[in-house]
Amino acid sequence: MPKPTSTRIEGKPRLLSAVPILFVRNVEKAAAFYEEQLAFQVDFLHGNPPFYASVSRDHSCLHLRFVHEPNFSGEPSRVT
């Protein structure tokens, strides 16, 4: 996937792309799902067994990261 170049609008930097990181329990199975069911391309699998991966389609890219369990508490924290 080609890397966008930096662009400025009215003197301010412009964000051209972002890559979300999705937390998954099985990186290899998640990458296979994106490839087989959603027509993404597997860019890389890192580790043995894989604990990090990248999949892409068109101009979109997702990273997949292994987690043992969700990193969320039962109660959302509130900022006051």
C-alpha atoms as a PDB file:
ATOM      1  CA  MET A   1       0.000   0.000   0.000  1.00  0.00           C
ATOM      2  CA  PRO A   2       1.585   3.335  -0.996  1.00  0.00           C
ATOM      3  CA  LYS A   3       2.365   5.742   1.818  1.00  0.00           C
ATOM      4  CA  PRO A   4       0.614   9.117   1.509  1.00  0.00           C
ATOM      5  CA  THR A   5       2.793  12.178   1.495  1.00  0.00           C
ATOM      6  CA  SER A   6       2.427  14.972   4.005  1.00  0.00           C
ATOM      7  CA  THR A   7       0.051  17.730   2.960  1.00  0.00           C
ATOM      8  CA  ARG A   8      -0.625  21.134   4.485  1.00  0.00           C
ATOM      9  CA  ILE A   9      -3.873  23.053   4.199  1.00  0.00           C
ATOM     10  CA  GLU A  10      -3.868  26.709   5.239  1.00  0.00           C
ATOM     11  CA  GLY A  11      -0.521  26.178   6.984  1.00  0.00           C
ATOM     12  CA  LYS A  12      -1.810  23.341   9.189  1.00  0.00           C
ATOM     13  CA  PRO A  13      -0.680  19.701   8.900  1.00  0.00           C
ATOM     14  CA  ARG A  14      -3.319  17.403   7.421  1.00  0.00           C
ATOM     15  CA  LEU A  15      -3.847  13.847   8.613  1.00  0.00           C
ATOM     16  CA  LEU A  16      -4.059  11.623   5.537  1.00  0.00           C
ATOM     17  CA  SER A  17      -4.556   8.219   7.110  1.00  0.00           C
ATOM     18  CA  ALA A  18      -4.811   6.284  10.350  1.00  0.00           C
ATOM     19  CA  VAL A  19      -4.262   2.612  11.104  1.00  0.00           C
ATOM     20  CA  PRO A  20      -6.537   1.179  13.787  1.00  0.00           C
ATOM     21  CA  ILE A  21      -5.225  -1.661  15.951  1.00  0.00           C
ATOM     22  CA  LEU A  22      -7.835  -4.325  16.661  1.00  0.00           C
ATOM     23  CA  PHE A  23      -7.355  -6.567  19.704  1.00  0.00           C
ATOM     24  CA  VAL A  24      -7.957 -10.244  18.850  1.00  0.00           C
ATOM     25  CA  ARG A  25      -7.536 -13.555  20.666  1.00  0.00           C
ATOM     26  CA  ASN A  26      -6.100 -15.383  17.640  1.00  0.00           C
ATOM     27  CA  VAL A  27      -4.132 -13.268  15.148  1.00  0.00           C
ATOM     28  CA  GLU A  28      -3.748 -16.032  12.562  1.00  0.00           C
ATOM     29  CA  LYS A  29      -7.492 -16.840  12.517  1.00  0.00           C
ATOM     30  CA  ALA A  30      -8.434 -13.153  12.441  1.00  0.00           C
ATOM     31  CA  ALA A  31      -6.098 -12.488   9.492  1.00  0.00           C
ATOM     32  CA  ALA A  32      -7.528 -15.518   7.661  1.00  0.00           C
ATOM     33  CA  PHE A  33     -11.081 -14.225   8.271  1.00  0.00           C
ATOM     34  CA  TYR A  34     -10.238 -10.814   6.805  1.00  0.00           C
ATOM     35  CA  GLU A  35      -8.541 -12.466   3.825  1.00  0.00           C
ATOM     36  CA  GLU A  36     -11.116 -15.174   3.058  1.00  0.00           C
ATOM     37  CA  GLN A  37     -14.378 -13.478   4.030  1.00  0.00           C
ATOM     38  CA  LEU A  38     -13.688  -9.781   3.427  1.00  0.00           C
ATOM     39  CA  ALA A  39     -11.157  -9.888   0.540  1.00  0.00           C
ATOM     40  CA  PHE A  40      -8.317  -8.214   2.473  1.00  0.00           C
ATOM     41  CA  GLN A  41      -4.680  -9.014   1.723  1.00  0.00           C
ATOM     42  CA  VAL A  42      -2.488 -10.248   4.584  1.00  0.00           C
ATOM     43  CA  ASP A  43       0.492  -7.875   4.589  1.00  0.00           C
ATOM     44  CA  PHE A  44       2.423  -9.643   7.340  1.00  0.00           C
ATOM     45  CA  LEU A  45       2.156 -11.972  10.320  1.00  0.00           C
ATOM     46  CA  HIS A  46       4.751 -11.369  13.035  1.00  0.00           C
ATOM     47  CA  GLY A  47       5.878 -14.007  15.511  1.00  0.00           C
ATOM     48  CA  ASN A  48       5.544 -17.759  15.829  1.00  0.00           C
ATOM     49  CA  PRO A  49       2.716 -18.128  16.679  1.00  0.00           C
ATOM     50  CA  PRO A  50       1.749 -14.734  15.264  1.00  0.00           C
ATOM     51  CA  PHE A  51       1.015 -12.016  17.840  1.00  0.00           C
ATOM     52  CA  TYR A  52       0.781  -9.048  15.432  1.00  0.00           C
ATOM     53  CA  ALA A  53      -0.404  -8.703  11.845  1.00  0.00           C
ATOM     54  CA  SER A  54      -1.449  -6.264   9.168  1.00  0.00           C
ATOM     55  CA  VAL A  55      -4.242  -6.681   6.618  1.00  0.00           C
ATOM     56  CA  SER A  56      -5.198  -4.229   3.880  1.00  0.00           C
ATOM     57  CA  ARG A  57      -7.754  -3.666   1.161  1.00  0.00           C
ATOM     58  CA  ASP A  58      -8.016  -0.785  -1.288  1.00  0.00           C
ATOM     59  CA  HIS A  59      -6.612   2.187   0.666  1.00  0.00           C
ATOM     60  CA  SER A  60      -7.440   0.824   4.123  1.00  0.00           C
ATOM     61  CA  CYS A  61      -5.155  -0.967   6.545  1.00  0.00           C
ATOM     62  CA  LEU A  62      -5.913  -2.680   9.863  1.00  0.00           C
ATOM     63  CA  HIS A  63      -3.455  -4.026  12.396  1.00  0.00           C
ATOM     64  CA  LEU A  64      -4.341  -7.061  14.499  1.00  0.00           C
ATOM     65  CA  ARG A  65      -2.810  -7.477  17.950  1.00  0.00           C
ATOM     66  CA  PHE A  66      -3.016 -10.522  20.196  1.00  0.00           C
ATOM     67  CA  VAL A  67      -4.512 -10.052  23.670  1.00  0.00           C
ATOM     68  CA  HIS A  68      -5.210 -12.736  26.283  1.00  0.00           C
ATOM     69  CA  GLU A  69      -8.416 -11.033  27.392  1.00  0.00           C
ATOM     70  CA  PRO A  70     -10.211  -7.773  26.658  1.00  0.00           C
ATOM     71  CA  ASN A  71      -8.548  -4.704  28.113  1.00  0.00           C
ATOM     72  CA  PHE A  72     -11.798  -3.164  29.291  1.00  0.00           C
ATOM     73  CA  SER A  73     -13.217  -2.913  32.773  1.00  0.00           C
ATOM     74  CA  GLY A  74     -16.869  -3.686  33.424  1.00  0.00           C
ATOM     75  CA  GLU A  75     -17.611  -0.047  34.268  1.00  0.00           C
ATOM     76  CA  PRO A  76     -16.531   2.796  31.962  1.00  0.00           C
ATOM     77  CA  SER A  77     -14.310   5.328  33.691  1.00  0.00           C
ATOM     78  CA  ARG A  78     -15.604   8.862  33.876  1.00  0.00           C
ATOM     79  CA  VAL A  79     -13.573  12.003  33.615  1.00  0.00           C
ATOM     80  CA  THR A  80     -14.898  14.859  35.729  1.00  0.00           C
END
